[in-house]
Amino acid sequence: MSGDSAPINLTNHFLIAMPGLEDAIFSKSVVYVCEHTPRGALGLVINKPAELKMEALFGKIDLPLKRLDLTDAPVLQGGPVQTERGFVLHEPIFSESEKPEQSLYASTMSIPGGLEMTTSKDVLEAISSGSGPRRVLVSLGYSAWGEGQLESELGENSWLTVDADQSVIFDTPVEQRYDKALSLLGLQAWMISSQVGHA
């Protein structure tokens, strides 16, 4: 028997970038992990606004935006993969007890214990008409890690991890999400050194 512990599963967790992580996209980022399996991981950066507001995004796809609460909401840079494609993170439309086998939307990933991520245009059409999920975050692009890659980055102290809190995603202003995510661990930015010590 090898001494390997059980594989970690960070689905429905936040990855919080350590100060030493200086990648342009991931520096000071908070990533919501949508899926983490032995084959790899997929997530959305939730605190890096793109140059685009929701109203402009809906204009680009020829949809009116009737949700005034979303007009000025930023579209986010979800990561470096498929940056032309929209990813909508939203609360499930149904409660767990009445959840149907199929999502309302054509292409939706149900995230265990958490949210749903939809990539089909039908969710944007629903939002545009004023229906659809109430709480949404729209990003262009996503973040992906191959087999063992995220585990390796965790071993290099590139990320802190914590159970995701939906209030950070939906109720916290974008520029405060990094500090708010750190506070879930009882930390503040000044407490984590950019010099990772190895004894």
Protein backbone atom coordinates (compact mmCIF):
# COMPACT_ATOMS: atom_id res chain seq x y z
CA MET A 1 0.00 0.00 0.00
CA SER A 2 1.30 3.44 -0.80
CA GLY A 3 1.02 6.15 1.78
CA ASP A 4 -1.07 8.39 -0.48
CA SER A 5 -4.09 9.88 1.24
CA ALA A 6 -7.51 9.93 -0.40
CA PRO A 7 -7.71 12.29 -3.37
CA ILE A 8 -8.88 15.76 -2.44
CA ASN A 9 -12.03 17.10 -4.02
CA LEU A 10 -12.28 20.88 -4.07
CA THR A 11 -15.61 21.08 -5.93
CA ASN A 12 -17.68 23.96 -4.46
CA HIS A 13 -14.56 25.47 -2.85
CA PHE A 14 -12.68 28.71 -3.36
CA LEU A 15 -9.04 28.76 -4.42
CA ILE A 16 -7.44 31.93 -3.05
CA ALA A 17 -4.18 32.94 -4.72
CA MET A 18 -1.18 33.27 -2.44
CA PRO A 19 0.91 36.45 -2.84
CA GLY A 20 3.69 34.52 -4.59
CA LEU A 21 1.36 33.63 -7.47
CA GLU A 22 2.19 36.36 -9.97
CA ASP A 23 0.46 35.05 -13.08
CA ALA A 24 -1.40 37.90 -14.84
CA ILE A 25 -4.78 36.24 -14.56
CA PHE A 26 -4.40 34.45 -11.24
CA SER A 27 -2.55 37.05 -9.16
CA LYS A 28 -4.81 37.99 -6.19
CA SER A 29 -7.60 35.90 -7.67
CA VAL A 30 -10.41 33.91 -6.10
CA VAL A 31 -11.50 30.91 -8.17
CA TYR A 32 -14.79 29.11 -7.61
CA VAL A 33 -14.16 25.42 -8.36
CA CYS A 34 -17.06 24.00 -10.39
CA GLU A 35 -15.60 20.52 -10.84
CA HIS A 36 -12.62 18.64 -9.43
CA THR A 37 -12.04 15.02 -10.34
CA PRO A 38 -8.94 12.83 -10.67
CA ARG A 39 -8.86 13.98 -14.33
CA GLY A 40 -8.46 17.64 -13.44
CA ALA A 41 -10.34 20.72 -12.31
CA LEU A 42 -12.46 23.49 -13.79
CA GLY A 43 -13.33 26.80 -12.17
CA LEU A 44 -14.23 30.45 -12.67
CA VAL A 45 -12.28 33.44 -11.39
CA ILE A 46 -14.89 35.52 -9.51
CA ASN A 47 -12.99 38.72 -8.82
CA LYS A 48 -11.41 39.92 -12.09
CA PRO A 49 -13.75 42.20 -14.06
CA ALA A 50 -13.50 42.28 -17.85
CA GLU A 51 -13.84 45.59 -19.69
CA LEU A 52 -17.48 44.77 -20.30
CA LYS A 53 -20.66 45.45 -18.33
CA MET A 54 -23.64 43.11 -18.55
CA GLU A 55 -25.70 45.56 -20.60
CA ALA A 56 -22.95 45.73 -23.25
CA LEU A 57 -22.59 41.94 -23.29
CA PHE A 58 -26.33 41.48 -23.87
CA GLY A 59 -26.16 44.12 -26.63
CA LYS A 60 -23.40 42.10 -28.34
CA ILE A 61 -25.67 39.04 -28.49
CA ASP A 62 -28.70 41.10 -29.57
CA LEU A 63 -30.69 40.62 -26.38
CA PRO A 64 -32.30 43.43 -24.39
CA LEU A 65 -31.50 43.34 -20.68
CA LYS A 66 -34.67 43.94 -18.68
CA ARG A 67 -33.02 43.17 -15.33
CA LEU A 68 -32.10 46.62 -14.01
CA ASP A 69 -30.23 45.03 -11.10
CA LEU A 70 -27.75 43.59 -13.61
CA THR A 71 -27.30 46.48 -16.08
CA ASP A 72 -24.07 47.76 -14.53
CA ALA A 73 -22.84 44.45 -13.14
CA PRO A 74 -19.40 43.58 -14.45
CA VAL A 75 -18.75 40.63 -16.71
CA LEU A 76 -15.80 38.74 -15.27
CA GLN A 77 -12.65 37.19 -16.72
CA GLY A 78 -13.27 33.61 -15.67
CA GLY A 79 -9.90 32.34 -16.84
CA PRO A 80 -7.63 31.90 -19.84
CA VAL A 81 -9.57 29.10 -21.61
CA GLN A 82 -12.29 29.85 -24.22
CA THR A 83 -12.31 33.57 -23.45
CA GLU A 84 -14.88 34.29 -26.17
CA ARG A 85 -17.40 32.00 -24.52
CA GLY A 86 -19.83 32.94 -21.75
CA PHE A 87 -20.16 30.95 -18.54
CA VAL A 88 -23.08 31.75 -16.24
CA LEU A 89 -22.74 30.77 -12.59
CA HIS A 90 -26.13 30.88 -10.91
CA GLU A 91 -28.17 29.54 -8.06
CA PRO A 92 -30.29 26.50 -8.90
CA ILE A 93 -33.76 27.41 -10.09
CA PHE A 94 -35.34 24.65 -8.00
CA SER A 95 -34.89 23.74 -4.38
CA GLU A 96 -33.08 20.45 -3.78
CA SER A 97 -36.35 18.68 -2.92
CA GLU A 98 -38.11 19.54 -6.18
CA LYS A 99 -35.05 19.41 -8.38
CA PRO A 100 -35.85 17.83 -11.73
CA GLU A 101 -33.52 15.33 -13.34
CA GLN A 102 -32.77 17.85 -16.08
CA SER A 103 -31.86 21.51 -15.69
CA LEU A 104 -34.08 24.10 -17.31
CA TYR A 105 -31.22 25.00 -19.64
CA ALA A 106 -29.65 23.09 -22.51
CA SER A 107 -26.11 22.93 -21.18
CA THR A 108 -25.82 23.08 -17.41
CA MET A 109 -23.38 21.55 -14.94
CA SER A 110 -24.89 21.00 -11.53
CA ILE A 111 -22.22 21.56 -8.88
CA PRO A 112 -22.63 19.22 -5.89
CA GLY A 113 -23.53 21.18 -2.78
CA GLY A 114 -23.49 24.44 -4.64
CA LEU A 115 -24.56 26.25 -7.75
CA GLU A 116 -25.13 25.58 -11.41
CA MET A 117 -22.97 26.68 -14.33
CA THR A 118 -24.68 27.10 -17.68
CA THR A 119 -22.96 27.67 -21.02
CA SER A 120 -26.00 27.70 -23.32
CA LYS A 121 -27.56 30.94 -24.54
CA ASP A 122 -31.01 30.00 -23.21
CA VAL A 123 -30.06 31.10 -19.68
CA LEU A 124 -29.10 34.56 -21.03
CA GLU A 125 -32.39 34.72 -22.94
CA ALA A 126 -34.26 33.96 -19.71
CA ILE A 127 -32.30 36.62 -17.80
CA SER A 128 -32.83 39.12 -20.61
CA SER A 129 -36.60 38.75 -20.35
CA GLY A 130 -36.49 39.35 -16.60
CA SER A 131 -36.88 35.72 -15.57
CA GLY A 132 -34.15 33.12 -15.12
CA PRO A 133 -32.04 32.75 -12.00
CA ARG A 134 -32.07 35.74 -9.63
CA ARG A 135 -28.44 35.52 -8.55
CA VAL A 136 -25.99 35.25 -11.44
CA LEU A 137 -22.36 35.84 -12.27
CA VAL A 138 -21.35 35.93 -15.92
CA SER A 139 -17.78 35.32 -16.98
CA LEU A 140 -15.94 35.04 -20.26
CA GLY A 141 -13.58 32.11 -20.23
CA TYR A 142 -12.80 29.60 -17.53
CA SER A 143 -9.84 28.16 -15.66
CA ALA A 144 -8.74 24.56 -16.09
CA TRP A 145 -6.15 22.26 -14.59
CA GLY A 146 -5.07 18.94 -16.06
CA GLU A 147 -4.68 15.71 -14.14
CA GLY A 148 -2.64 16.33 -10.98
CA GLN A 149 -1.89 19.94 -11.91
CA LEU A 150 -4.00 21.62 -9.23
CA GLU A 151 -2.73 19.19 -6.58
CA SER A 152 0.82 20.06 -7.62
CA GLU A 153 0.09 23.83 -7.35
CA LEU A 154 -1.43 23.26 -3.90
CA GLY A 155 1.75 21.42 -2.92
CA GLU A 156 3.74 24.48 -4.01
CA ASN A 157 1.61 26.70 -1.74
CA SER A 158 0.19 28.64 -4.70
CA TRP A 159 -3.37 28.51 -3.32
CA LEU A 160 -5.28 28.57 -0.08
CA THR A 161 -8.57 26.65 -0.13
CA VAL A 162 -11.83 27.15 1.73
CA ASP A 163 -15.44 26.01 1.36
CA ALA A 164 -17.20 28.36 -1.04
CA ASP A 165 -19.62 30.92 0.38
CA GLN A 166 -22.26 32.11 -2.07
CA SER A 167 -22.47 35.53 -0.41
CA VAL A 168 -18.89 36.20 -1.57
CA ILE A 169 -19.93 35.43 -5.16
CA PHE A 170 -23.25 37.26 -5.27
CA ASP A 171 -23.37 39.83 -2.44
CA THR A 172 -19.80 41.11 -2.17
CA PRO A 173 -18.49 43.85 -4.51
CA VAL A 174 -15.92 42.43 -6.94
CA GLU A 175 -13.00 44.41 -5.51
CA GLN A 176 -13.71 43.09 -1.98
CA ARG A 177 -14.04 39.38 -2.87
CA TYR A 178 -10.36 38.50 -2.33
CA ASP A 179 -10.33 39.93 1.20
CA LYS A 180 -13.75 38.47 1.97
CA ALA A 181 -12.65 35.00 0.81
CA LEU A 182 -9.51 35.26 2.98
CA SER A 183 -11.69 36.25 5.94
CA LEU A 184 -13.47 32.88 5.64
CA LEU A 185 -10.14 31.42 6.81
CA GLY A 186 -9.78 34.05 9.53
CA LEU A 187 -7.01 35.71 7.53
CA GLN A 188 -6.26 39.16 6.18
CA ALA A 189 -4.02 39.88 3.19
CA TRP A 190 -1.16 41.27 5.31
CA MET A 191 -0.96 38.01 7.27
CA ILE A 192 0.06 35.87 4.31
CA SER A 193 3.67 36.39 3.33
CA SER A 194 4.81 36.34 -0.26
CA GLN A 195 7.87 34.47 0.96
CA VAL A 196 6.76 30.90 1.46
CA GLY A 197 9.10 29.42 4.01
CA HIS A 198 10.53 25.92 3.78
CA ALA A 199 12.15 24.72 6.99
